[in-house]
């Protein structure tokens, strides 16, 4: 009995072609899914880092107000304020904060000397954190809470640079109120990104004693 032409099966070439087309579609779909996942994760990280930066900014404002209240008493607020603005601040006559473009060289994050961060969980402990490039997830203050253990907090990829304004006088020779520009920066490596992700903002606080 002879088979009709309409009952002929697919050739090997046709099967291979179908498999190839399916493979391209599957690979393209997986690439789109991976790209979408990476974008969603990066958006989440940016949101979390902005929260970390806002927390540092709020801590600076709170510290400034606490120092104004504590002025002359040499309490914990005065001690920490002096550490922040006297030990770490750059005088405008001597220089300025590192350019934002210098935050990264395209491959790694560059943390300038004199940079610091605040331990917001125990602000008046007198502790000033020194930032590190060793970022486990995203730029943040890592506390690594473990029961019955008190690991030291770490500033991972987030830091502050303080710049003190130039001394200016009024027409009658009085010193104008000075201010500090606190440059808050963040830099970290996000999955799927060749270059580090960077964020930055500036908080200006006036000298509370004037």
N, C-alpha and C. Protein backbone atom coordinates (compact mmCIF):
# COMPACT_ATOMS: atom_id res chain seq x y z
N UNK A 1 0.84 -1.20 0.00
CA UNK A 1 0.00 0.00 0.00
C UNK A 1 0.87 1.23 0.00
N UNK A 2 0.64 2.13 -0.90
CA UNK A 2 1.44 3.35 -1.01
C UNK A 2 0.82 4.48 -0.20
N UNK A 3 1.71 5.27 0.52
CA UNK A 3 1.27 6.43 1.30
C UNK A 3 1.06 7.60 0.37
N UNK A 4 0.05 8.38 0.64
CA UNK A 4 -0.18 9.58 -0.12
C UNK A 4 0.83 10.65 0.25
N UNK A 5 1.06 11.61 -0.66
CA UNK A 5 2.03 12.69 -0.41
C UNK A 5 1.62 13.54 0.77
N UNK A 6 0.29 13.70 1.00
CA UNK A 6 -0.19 14.54 2.10
C UNK A 6 0.11 13.94 3.46
N UNK A 7 0.42 12.66 3.53
CA UNK A 7 0.71 11.99 4.78
C UNK A 7 2.21 11.94 5.06
N UNK A 8 2.99 12.64 4.22
CA UNK A 8 4.45 12.63 4.41
C UNK A 8 4.82 13.37 5.69
N UNK A 9 5.78 12.85 6.51
CA UNK A 9 6.24 13.50 7.73
C UNK A 9 7.21 14.63 7.44
N UNK A 10 7.56 15.36 8.51
CA UNK A 10 8.51 16.47 8.38
C UNK A 10 9.92 15.93 8.17
N UNK A 11 10.66 16.65 7.38
CA UNK A 11 12.05 16.27 7.16
C UNK A 11 12.92 16.72 8.32
N UNK A 12 14.14 16.19 8.38
CA UNK A 12 15.08 16.56 9.45
C UNK A 12 15.38 18.05 9.41
N UNK A 13 15.49 18.61 8.22
CA UNK A 13 15.79 20.05 8.08
C UNK A 13 14.65 20.89 8.64
N UNK A 14 13.43 20.48 8.38
CA UNK A 14 12.27 21.22 8.90
C UNK A 14 12.21 21.17 10.43
N UNK A 15 12.51 20.00 10.99
CA UNK A 15 12.51 19.86 12.45
C UNK A 15 13.59 20.74 13.07
N UNK A 16 14.81 20.71 12.48
CA UNK A 16 15.90 21.54 13.00
C UNK A 16 15.56 23.02 12.90
N UNK A 17 14.92 23.41 11.81
CA UNK A 17 14.54 24.82 11.64
C UNK A 17 13.53 25.24 12.72
N UNK A 18 12.57 24.37 12.99
CA UNK A 18 11.56 24.68 14.01
C UNK A 18 12.20 24.80 15.39
N UNK A 19 13.15 23.89 15.68
CA UNK A 19 13.84 23.94 16.98
C UNK A 19 14.66 25.23 17.10
N UNK A 20 15.30 25.62 15.99
CA UNK A 20 16.11 26.85 16.01
C UNK A 20 15.25 28.07 16.27
N UNK A 21 14.11 28.15 15.58
CA UNK A 21 13.21 29.29 15.78
C UNK A 21 12.71 29.33 17.23
N UNK A 22 12.34 28.17 17.75
CA UNK A 22 11.86 28.11 19.14
C UNK A 22 12.95 28.53 20.12
N UNK A 23 14.19 28.11 19.85
CA UNK A 23 15.31 28.47 20.72
C UNK A 23 15.53 29.97 20.75
N UNK A 24 15.48 30.60 19.57
CA UNK A 24 15.66 32.05 19.51
C UNK A 24 14.56 32.77 20.29
N UNK A 25 13.34 32.29 20.15
CA UNK A 25 12.22 32.91 20.88
C UNK A 25 12.40 32.73 22.39
N UNK A 26 12.80 31.53 22.80
CA UNK A 26 12.97 31.26 24.23
C UNK A 26 14.10 32.11 24.81
N UNK A 27 15.23 32.19 24.08
CA UNK A 27 16.36 32.98 24.57
C UNK A 27 15.99 34.46 24.65
N UNK A 28 15.28 34.95 23.62
CA UNK A 28 14.85 36.35 23.64
C UNK A 28 13.91 36.64 24.79
N UNK A 29 12.98 35.72 25.05
CA UNK A 29 12.06 35.90 26.17
C UNK A 29 12.77 35.90 27.51
N UNK A 30 13.75 34.99 27.68
CA UNK A 30 14.50 34.93 28.94
C UNK A 30 15.34 36.19 29.12
N UNK A 31 15.91 36.70 28.02
CA UNK A 31 16.70 37.93 28.12
C UNK A 31 15.85 39.10 28.56
N UNK A 32 14.64 39.20 28.00
CA UNK A 32 13.73 40.27 28.40
C UNK A 32 13.32 40.13 29.86
N UNK A 33 13.07 38.90 30.30
CA UNK A 33 12.71 38.67 31.70
C UNK A 33 13.84 39.04 32.63
N UNK A 34 15.08 38.65 32.27
CA UNK A 34 16.23 38.98 33.11
C UNK A 34 16.46 40.48 33.17
N UNK A 35 16.29 41.16 32.02
CA UNK A 35 16.46 42.61 31.99
C UNK A 35 15.41 43.30 32.84
N UNK A 36 14.19 42.82 32.76
CA UNK A 36 13.12 43.40 33.57
C UNK A 36 13.36 43.18 35.05
N UNK A 37 13.84 41.99 35.41
CA UNK A 37 14.14 41.70 36.81
C UNK A 37 15.26 42.59 37.33
N UNK A 38 16.30 42.77 36.49
CA UNK A 38 17.43 43.62 36.90
C UNK A 38 16.98 45.07 37.08
N UNK A 39 16.12 45.56 36.19
CA UNK A 39 15.63 46.93 36.30
C UNK A 39 14.78 47.10 37.55
N UNK A 40 13.97 46.11 37.85
CA UNK A 40 13.14 46.18 39.06
C UNK A 40 14.00 46.17 40.32
N UNK A 41 15.04 45.33 40.32
CA UNK A 41 15.92 45.27 41.48
C UNK A 41 16.68 46.58 41.66
N UNK A 42 17.15 47.15 40.54
CA UNK A 42 17.88 48.41 40.64
C UNK A 42 16.97 49.53 41.15
N UNK A 43 15.72 49.56 40.69
CA UNK A 43 14.77 50.56 41.17
C UNK A 43 14.53 50.41 42.67
N UNK A 44 14.44 49.16 43.13
CA UNK A 44 14.26 48.90 44.56
C UNK A 44 15.48 49.36 45.34
N UNK A 45 16.67 49.06 44.83
CA UNK A 45 17.90 49.47 45.51
C UNK A 45 18.00 50.99 45.60
N UNK A 46 17.67 51.68 44.51
CA UNK A 46 17.75 53.14 44.51
C UNK A 46 16.79 53.72 45.56
N UNK A 47 15.60 53.15 45.66
CA UNK A 47 14.66 53.61 46.67
C UNK A 47 15.18 53.41 48.08
N UNK A 48 15.79 52.25 48.34
CA UNK A 48 16.34 51.97 49.67
C UNK A 48 17.53 52.88 49.98
N UNK A 49 18.36 53.14 48.97
CA UNK A 49 19.53 54.01 49.20
C UNK A 49 19.08 55.44 49.46
N UNK A 50 18.04 55.89 48.76
CA UNK A 50 17.52 57.24 49.03
C UNK A 50 17.04 57.36 50.47
N UNK A 51 16.43 56.29 50.98
CA UNK A 51 16.01 56.29 52.38
C UNK A 51 17.22 56.40 53.32
N UNK A 52 18.29 55.69 52.98
CA UNK A 52 19.50 55.76 53.80
C UNK A 52 20.08 57.18 53.77
N UNK A 53 20.10 57.81 52.60
CA UNK A 53 20.63 59.17 52.49
C UNK A 53 19.75 60.16 53.25
N UNK A 54 18.43 60.00 53.15
CA UNK A 54 17.52 60.88 53.89
C UNK A 54 17.72 60.73 55.39
N UNK A 55 17.98 59.51 55.84
CA UNK A 55 18.21 59.27 57.26
C UNK A 55 19.47 59.98 57.73
N UNK A 56 20.54 59.94 56.92
CA UNK A 56 21.76 60.66 57.26
C UNK A 56 21.51 62.17 57.30
N UNK A 57 20.73 62.68 56.35
CA UNK A 57 20.41 64.11 56.31
C UNK A 57 19.61 64.52 57.55
N UNK A 58 18.63 63.72 57.92
CA UNK A 58 17.83 64.01 59.11
C UNK A 58 18.69 63.97 60.37
N UNK A 59 19.63 63.02 60.42
CA UNK A 59 20.52 62.93 61.58
C UNK A 59 21.41 64.17 61.68
N UNK A 60 21.86 64.70 60.56
CA UNK A 60 22.66 65.93 60.57
C UNK A 60 21.85 67.11 61.09
N UNK A 61 20.61 67.24 60.62
CA UNK A 61 19.76 68.34 61.08
C UNK A 61 19.47 68.23 62.57
N UNK A 62 19.20 67.01 63.02
CA UNK A 62 18.93 66.79 64.44
C UNK A 62 20.16 67.11 65.27
N UNK A 63 21.32 66.69 64.79
CA UNK A 63 22.56 66.97 65.50
C UNK A 63 22.81 68.46 65.60
N UNK A 64 22.54 69.20 64.52
CA UNK A 64 22.75 70.64 64.52
C UNK A 64 21.86 71.31 65.57
N UNK A 65 20.59 70.91 65.64
CA UNK A 65 19.69 71.50 66.63
C UNK A 65 20.11 71.12 68.05
N UNK A 66 20.51 69.86 68.23
CA UNK A 66 20.94 69.41 69.56
C UNK A 66 22.19 70.16 70.01
N UNK A 67 23.08 70.43 69.08
CA UNK A 67 24.30 71.17 69.41
C UNK A 67 23.97 72.61 69.82
N UNK A 68 23.01 73.24 69.13
CA UNK A 68 22.61 74.60 69.49
C UNK A 68 22.04 74.65 70.90
N UNK A 69 21.25 73.62 71.26
CA UNK A 69 20.67 73.57 72.60
C UNK A 69 21.75 73.29 73.65
N UNK A 70 22.72 72.46 73.27
CA UNK A 70 23.76 72.03 74.21
C UNK A 70 24.95 72.99 74.24
N UNK A 71 24.93 74.05 73.43
CA UNK A 71 26.10 74.92 73.29
C UNK A 71 26.54 75.47 74.65
N UNK A 72 27.82 75.32 74.90
CA UNK A 72 28.41 75.80 76.15
C UNK A 72 28.41 74.77 77.26
N UNK A 73 27.70 73.66 77.06
CA UNK A 73 27.62 72.64 78.10
C UNK A 73 28.59 71.48 77.87
N UNK A 74 29.14 71.40 76.65
CA UNK A 74 30.10 70.35 76.29
C UNK A 74 29.54 68.95 76.51
N UNK A 75 28.28 68.78 76.13
CA UNK A 75 27.65 67.47 76.24
C UNK A 75 27.93 66.60 75.02
N UNK A 76 27.26 65.46 74.92
CA UNK A 76 27.48 64.54 73.79
C UNK A 76 27.22 65.17 72.43
N UNK A 77 26.20 66.05 72.35
CA UNK A 77 25.90 66.69 71.06
C UNK A 77 27.04 67.59 70.62
N UNK A 78 27.60 68.35 71.57
CA UNK A 78 28.74 69.22 71.26
C UNK A 78 29.94 68.41 70.83
N UNK A 79 30.19 67.31 71.53
CA UNK A 79 31.34 66.47 71.21
C UNK A 79 31.22 65.89 69.80
N UNK A 80 30.04 65.41 69.45
CA UNK A 80 29.86 64.81 68.13
C UNK A 80 29.91 65.89 67.05
N UNK A 81 29.29 67.04 67.29
CA UNK A 81 29.32 68.12 66.29
C UNK A 81 30.76 68.54 66.01
N UNK A 82 31.57 68.63 67.04
CA UNK A 82 32.97 69.00 66.84
C UNK A 82 33.71 67.94 66.03
N UNK A 83 33.40 66.69 66.29
CA UNK A 83 34.03 65.63 65.50
C UNK A 83 33.66 65.75 64.03
N UNK A 84 32.39 66.08 63.78
CA UNK A 84 31.90 66.13 62.41
C UNK A 84 32.45 67.34 61.67
N UNK A 85 32.36 68.54 62.29
CA UNK A 85 32.68 69.76 61.55
C UNK A 85 34.10 70.28 61.77
N UNK A 86 34.72 69.89 62.87
CA UNK A 86 36.07 70.39 63.12
C UNK A 86 37.13 69.37 62.71
N UNK A 87 36.87 68.11 62.96
CA UNK A 87 37.86 67.08 62.62
C UNK A 87 37.74 66.63 61.17
N UNK A 88 36.56 66.75 60.57
CA UNK A 88 36.36 66.19 59.24
C UNK A 88 36.00 67.22 58.17
N UNK A 89 35.57 68.42 58.55
CA UNK A 89 35.12 69.40 57.56
C UNK A 89 36.29 69.99 56.79
N UNK A 90 36.06 70.26 55.52
CA UNK A 90 37.02 70.92 54.65
C UNK A 90 36.71 72.42 54.66
N UNK A 91 37.69 73.24 54.90
CA UNK A 91 37.47 74.68 54.82
C UNK A 91 37.44 75.10 53.35
N UNK A 92 36.49 75.96 53.02
CA UNK A 92 36.34 76.39 51.63
C UNK A 92 37.62 77.05 51.11
N UNK A 93 38.39 77.66 52.00
CA UNK A 93 39.65 78.28 51.58
C UNK A 93 40.65 77.24 51.12
N UNK A 94 40.51 76.01 51.66
CA UNK A 94 41.49 74.96 51.37
C UNK A 94 41.05 74.02 50.25
N UNK A 95 39.79 74.02 49.91
CA UNK A 95 39.32 73.11 48.87
C UNK A 95 37.82 72.93 48.96
N UNK A 96 37.33 71.90 48.34
CA UNK A 96 35.90 71.61 48.33
C UNK A 96 35.71 70.10 48.31
N UNK A 97 34.46 69.70 48.33
CA UNK A 97 34.16 68.27 48.28
C UNK A 97 34.57 67.70 46.92
N UNK A 98 34.82 66.42 46.90
CA UNK A 98 35.18 65.76 45.65
C UNK A 98 34.04 65.90 44.65
N UNK A 99 34.39 66.12 43.37
CA UNK A 99 33.36 66.23 42.33
C UNK A 99 32.52 64.97 42.29
N UNK A 100 31.23 65.16 42.00
CA UNK A 100 30.34 64.01 41.95
C UNK A 100 30.78 63.03 40.88
N UNK A 101 31.32 63.54 39.77
CA UNK A 101 31.79 62.67 38.69
C UNK A 101 32.95 61.79 39.14
N UNK A 102 33.64 62.22 40.20
CA UNK A 102 34.78 61.44 40.69
C UNK A 102 34.35 60.36 41.68
N UNK A 103 33.04 60.24 41.91
CA UNK A 103 32.55 59.21 42.83
C UNK A 103 32.94 57.82 42.36
N UNK A 104 33.01 57.64 41.04
CA UNK A 104 33.41 56.36 40.47
C UNK A 104 34.29 56.60 39.25
N UNK A 105 35.18 55.66 38.99
CA UNK A 105 36.01 55.73 37.79
C UNK A 105 35.47 54.82 36.69
N UNK A 106 34.24 54.38 36.86
CA UNK A 106 33.61 53.49 35.89
C UNK A 106 33.69 52.03 36.26
N UNK A 107 34.58 51.69 37.19
CA UNK A 107 34.73 50.30 37.61
C UNK A 107 34.55 50.12 39.11
N UNK A 108 34.98 51.10 39.89
CA UNK A 108 34.88 51.01 41.34
C UNK A 108 34.48 52.35 41.93
N UNK A 109 34.04 52.31 43.16
CA UNK A 109 33.64 53.53 43.87
C UNK A 109 34.86 54.16 44.53
N UNK A 110 34.94 55.47 44.48
CA UNK A 110 36.06 56.21 45.07
C UNK A 110 35.56 57.00 46.27
N UNK A 111 35.97 56.59 47.45
CA UNK A 111 35.59 57.28 48.68
C UNK A 111 36.72 58.24 49.07
N UNK A 112 36.46 59.54 49.15
CA UNK A 112 37.52 60.50 49.46
C UNK A 112 37.96 60.41 50.92
N UNK A 113 39.15 60.88 51.17
CA UNK A 113 39.65 60.91 52.55
C UNK A 113 38.84 61.92 53.36
N UNK A 114 38.68 61.65 54.63
CA UNK A 114 37.90 62.54 55.49
C UNK A 114 36.41 62.30 55.44
N UNK A 115 35.97 61.36 54.61
CA UNK A 115 34.55 61.07 54.53
C UNK A 115 34.11 60.30 55.79
N UNK A 116 32.85 60.47 56.15
CA UNK A 116 32.33 59.82 57.36
C UNK A 116 30.85 59.53 57.18
N UNK A 117 30.29 58.82 58.13
CA UNK A 117 28.85 58.58 58.19
C UNK A 117 28.45 58.53 59.65
N UNK A 118 27.16 58.67 59.91
CA UNK A 118 26.66 58.72 61.28
C UNK A 118 25.94 57.43 61.65
N UNK A 119 26.15 57.00 62.88
CA UNK A 119 25.46 55.85 63.43
C UNK A 119 24.13 56.34 63.99
N UNK A 120 23.07 56.25 63.19
CA UNK A 120 21.80 56.85 63.58
C UNK A 120 21.11 56.06 64.69
N UNK A 121 21.50 54.84 64.92
CA UNK A 121 20.88 54.06 65.98
C UNK A 121 21.39 54.49 67.35
N UNK A 122 22.57 55.06 67.38
CA UNK A 122 23.14 55.54 68.64
C UNK A 122 23.92 56.81 68.31
N UNK A 123 23.17 57.85 67.95
CA UNK A 123 23.78 59.05 67.38
C UNK A 123 24.79 59.70 68.31
N UNK A 124 24.47 59.81 69.58
CA UNK A 124 25.33 60.54 70.50
C UNK A 124 26.33 59.65 71.23
N UNK A 125 26.64 58.51 70.61
CA UNK A 125 27.69 57.65 71.17
C UNK A 125 29.07 58.26 70.95
N UNK A 126 29.13 59.29 70.09
CA UNK A 126 30.42 59.90 69.76
C UNK A 126 31.14 59.17 68.65
N UNK A 127 30.47 58.16 68.09
CA UNK A 127 31.10 57.34 67.05
C UNK A 127 30.88 57.94 65.68
N UNK A 128 31.94 58.09 64.92
CA UNK A 128 31.87 58.51 63.52
C UNK A 128 32.34 57.34 62.66
N UNK A 129 31.48 56.89 61.75
CA UNK A 129 31.79 55.72 60.94
C UNK A 129 32.67 56.10 59.76
N UNK A 130 33.61 55.23 59.43
CA UNK A 130 34.45 55.41 58.25
C UNK A 130 33.94 54.51 57.13
N UNK A 131 33.60 55.08 55.99
CA UNK A 131 32.99 54.29 54.91
C UNK A 131 33.96 53.26 54.32
N UNK A 132 33.36 52.23 53.75
CA UNK A 132 34.13 51.19 53.08
C UNK A 132 33.50 50.88 51.73
N UNK A 133 34.31 50.39 50.80
CA UNK A 133 33.82 49.97 49.48
C UNK A 133 33.22 48.58 49.50
N UNK A 134 33.35 47.87 50.60
CA UNK A 134 32.84 46.51 50.69
C UNK A 134 31.34 46.55 50.93
N UNK A 135 30.58 46.56 49.84
CA UNK A 135 29.12 46.66 49.91
C UNK A 135 28.52 45.28 49.68
N UNK A 136 27.76 44.80 50.65
CA UNK A 136 27.20 43.45 50.54
C UNK A 136 25.96 43.42 49.65
N UNK A 137 25.13 44.46 49.71
CA UNK A 137 23.92 44.49 48.88
C UNK A 137 23.82 45.83 48.17
N UNK A 138 23.47 46.87 48.90
CA UNK A 138 23.36 48.22 48.35
C UNK A 138 24.00 49.19 49.36
N UNK A 139 24.20 50.43 48.96
CA UNK A 139 24.84 51.41 49.85
C UNK A 139 23.95 51.63 51.07
N UNK A 140 24.52 51.44 52.25
CA UNK A 140 23.72 51.52 53.47
C UNK A 140 24.62 51.54 54.70
N UNK A 141 23.99 51.83 55.84
CA UNK A 141 24.65 51.62 57.13
C UNK A 141 24.23 50.24 57.59
N UNK A 142 25.18 49.33 57.64
CA UNK A 142 24.88 47.94 57.98
C UNK A 142 25.09 47.71 59.47
N UNK A 143 24.06 47.16 60.11
CA UNK A 143 24.15 46.87 61.54
C UNK A 143 24.25 45.37 61.80
N UNK A 144 23.82 44.56 60.85
CA UNK A 144 23.93 43.10 60.96
C UNK A 144 23.45 42.60 62.32
N UNK A 145 22.19 42.82 62.59
CA UNK A 145 21.62 42.41 63.88
C UNK A 145 21.69 40.90 64.06
N UNK A 146 22.36 40.49 65.10
CA UNK A 146 22.46 39.08 65.45
C UNK A 146 22.15 38.96 66.94
N UNK A 147 21.25 38.05 67.34
CA UNK A 147 20.92 37.91 68.76
C UNK A 147 22.17 37.66 69.60
N UNK A 148 22.22 38.34 70.76
CA UNK A 148 23.32 38.19 71.73
C UNK A 148 24.66 38.66 71.18
N UNK A 149 24.66 39.41 70.08
CA UNK A 149 25.92 39.92 69.54
C UNK A 149 25.73 41.39 69.17
N UNK A 150 26.78 42.16 69.32
CA UNK A 150 26.74 43.57 68.99
C UNK A 150 27.87 43.90 68.02
N UNK A 151 27.72 43.53 66.75
CA UNK A 151 28.77 43.85 65.78
C UNK A 151 28.81 45.35 65.54
N UNK A 152 29.97 45.92 65.28
CA UNK A 152 30.05 47.36 65.02
C UNK A 152 29.36 47.70 63.72
N UNK A 153 28.65 48.81 63.67
CA UNK A 153 28.00 49.22 62.42
C UNK A 153 29.03 49.59 61.37
N UNK A 154 28.65 49.42 60.09
CA UNK A 154 29.56 49.71 58.98
C UNK A 154 28.85 50.59 57.96
N UNK A 155 29.58 51.58 57.46
CA UNK A 155 29.04 52.42 56.39
C UNK A 155 29.50 51.82 55.07
N UNK A 156 28.60 51.11 54.39
CA UNK A 156 28.93 50.40 53.16
C UNK A 156 28.53 51.25 51.95
N UNK A 157 29.50 51.87 51.31
CA UNK A 157 29.24 52.60 50.09
C UNK A 157 28.43 53.87 50.25
N UNK A 158 28.33 54.40 51.46
CA UNK A 158 27.62 55.66 51.70
C UNK A 158 28.47 56.53 52.61
N UNK A 159 28.56 57.83 52.28
CA UNK A 159 29.43 58.69 53.07
C UNK A 159 28.99 60.15 52.97
N UNK A 160 29.59 60.97 53.86
CA UNK A 160 29.33 62.40 53.91
C UNK A 160 30.65 63.14 53.86
N UNK A 161 30.68 64.22 53.10
CA UNK A 161 31.80 65.16 53.13
C UNK A 161 31.26 66.52 53.54
N UNK A 162 31.88 67.12 54.55
CA UNK A 162 31.45 68.42 55.04
C UNK A 162 32.40 69.50 54.53
N UNK A 163 31.83 70.60 54.04
CA UNK A 163 32.62 71.73 53.55
C UNK A 163 32.16 72.98 54.29
N UNK A 164 33.08 73.66 54.95
CA UNK A 164 32.76 74.86 55.71
C UNK A 164 32.88 76.09 54.81
N UNK A 165 31.94 77.02 54.95
CA UNK A 165 31.93 78.22 54.11
C UNK A 165 33.10 79.14 54.46
N UNK A 166 33.42 80.02 53.51
CA UNK A 166 34.45 81.02 53.76
C UNK A 166 33.96 82.04 54.78
N UNK A 167 34.90 82.60 55.52
CA UNK A 167 34.53 83.62 56.50
C UNK A 167 34.22 84.92 55.76
N UNK A 168 33.03 85.44 55.96
CA UNK A 168 32.61 86.67 55.32
C UNK A 168 32.16 87.67 56.38
N UNK A 169 32.38 88.96 56.08
CA UNK A 169 32.03 90.02 57.03
C UNK A 169 31.07 91.01 56.39
N UNK A 170 30.27 91.63 57.24
CA UNK A 170 29.36 92.67 56.78
C UNK A 170 30.12 93.98 56.60
N UNK A 171 29.41 95.02 56.14
CA UNK A 171 30.06 96.31 55.91
C UNK A 171 30.64 96.90 57.18
N UNK A 172 30.04 96.62 58.33
CA UNK A 172 30.55 97.16 59.59
C UNK A 172 31.54 96.22 60.28
N UNK A 173 31.97 95.20 59.56
CA UNK A 173 33.01 94.32 60.08
C UNK A 173 32.53 93.11 60.86
N UNK A 174 31.21 92.94 60.98
CA UNK A 174 30.68 91.79 61.71
C UNK A 174 30.79 90.52 60.85
N UNK A 175 31.06 89.41 61.51
CA UNK A 175 31.17 88.14 60.79
C UNK A 175 29.77 87.63 60.45
N UNK A 176 29.57 87.30 59.18
CA UNK A 176 28.29 86.75 58.75
C UNK A 176 28.15 85.31 59.24
N UNK A 177 26.92 84.87 59.46
CA UNK A 177 26.74 83.47 59.87
C UNK A 177 27.34 82.51 58.85
N UNK A 178 28.16 81.61 59.33
CA UNK A 178 28.75 80.61 58.44
C UNK A 178 27.81 79.43 58.25
N UNK A 179 28.15 78.58 57.32
CA UNK A 179 27.33 77.40 57.08
C UNK A 179 28.23 76.24 56.66
N UNK A 180 27.64 75.06 56.66
CA UNK A 180 28.33 73.85 56.24
C UNK A 180 27.50 73.18 55.15
N UNK A 181 28.15 72.81 54.07
CA UNK A 181 27.51 72.00 53.04
C UNK A 181 27.92 70.55 53.25
N UNK A 182 26.94 69.72 53.55
CA UNK A 182 27.19 68.29 53.76
C UNK A 182 26.83 67.55 52.47
N UNK A 183 27.84 67.05 51.79
CA UNK A 183 27.65 66.31 50.55
C UNK A 183 27.45 64.83 50.90
N UNK A 184 26.25 64.34 50.70
CA UNK A 184 25.94 62.94 51.01
C UNK A 184 25.98 62.15 49.70
N UNK A 185 26.84 61.15 49.66
CA UNK A 185 27.04 60.38 48.43
C UNK A 185 26.81 58.89 48.69
N UNK A 186 26.44 58.19 47.64
CA UNK A 186 26.28 56.73 47.70
C UNK A 186 26.78 56.13 46.40
N UNK A 187 27.43 54.99 46.50
CA UNK A 187 27.98 54.31 45.33
C UNK A 187 28.00 52.81 45.62
N UNK A 188 27.45 52.03 44.70
CA UNK A 188 27.44 50.58 44.91
C UNK A 188 27.27 49.89 43.55
N UNK A 189 27.59 48.60 43.53
CA UNK A 189 27.46 47.79 42.32
C UNK A 189 26.11 47.08 42.35
N UNK A 190 25.36 47.26 41.27
CA UNK A 190 24.05 46.63 41.15
C UNK A 190 24.13 45.48 40.15
N UNK A 191 23.45 44.36 40.40
CA UNK A 191 23.50 43.23 39.46
C UNK A 191 23.07 43.64 38.06
N UNK A 192 23.82 43.19 37.07
CA UNK A 192 23.50 43.48 35.69
C UNK A 192 24.03 44.80 35.18
N UNK A 193 24.74 45.56 36.05
CA UNK A 193 25.28 46.85 35.66
C UNK A 193 26.80 46.77 35.60
N UNK A 194 27.38 47.24 34.50
CA UNK A 194 28.83 47.22 34.37
C UNK A 194 29.48 48.28 35.26
N UNK A 195 28.88 49.46 35.33
CA UNK A 195 29.43 50.55 36.13
C UNK A 195 28.64 50.68 37.43
N UNK A 196 29.26 51.17 38.49
CA UNK A 196 28.55 51.36 39.76
C UNK A 196 27.42 52.38 39.62
N UNK A 197 26.41 52.22 40.45
CA UNK A 197 25.31 53.17 40.53
C UNK A 197 25.67 54.23 41.56
N UNK A 198 25.42 55.49 41.27
CA UNK A 198 25.77 56.58 42.18
C UNK A 198 24.56 57.48 42.42
N UNK A 199 24.49 58.01 43.64
CA UNK A 199 23.47 58.98 44.02
C UNK A 199 24.13 60.03 44.89
N UNK A 200 23.57 61.23 44.92
CA UNK A 200 24.15 62.28 45.74
C UNK A 200 23.16 63.39 46.03
N UNK A 201 23.34 64.05 47.16
CA UNK A 201 22.54 65.21 47.53
C UNK A 201 23.38 66.09 48.44
N UNK A 202 22.91 67.31 48.67
CA UNK A 202 23.64 68.26 49.53
C UNK A 202 22.68 68.84 50.55
N UNK A 203 23.12 68.90 51.80
CA UNK A 203 22.35 69.50 52.88
C UNK A 203 23.15 70.68 53.42
N UNK A 204 22.55 71.86 53.44
CA UNK A 204 23.23 73.05 53.97
C UNK A 204 22.67 73.37 55.36
N UNK A 205 23.56 73.47 56.34
CA UNK A 205 23.18 73.80 57.70
C UNK A 205 24.01 75.00 58.15
N UNK A 206 23.36 75.95 58.75
CA UNK A 206 24.07 77.14 59.22
C UNK A 206 24.64 76.92 60.61
N UNK A 207 25.75 77.58 60.85
CA UNK A 207 26.44 77.46 62.14
C UNK A 207 25.48 77.87 63.25
N UNK A 208 25.13 76.96 64.18
CA UNK A 208 24.12 77.27 65.19
C UNK A 208 24.56 78.35 66.19
N UNK A 209 25.85 78.59 66.32
CA UNK A 209 26.31 79.52 67.35
C UNK A 209 26.16 80.97 66.91
N UNK A 210 25.87 81.23 65.64
CA UNK A 210 25.82 82.60 65.16
C UNK A 210 24.40 83.01 64.80
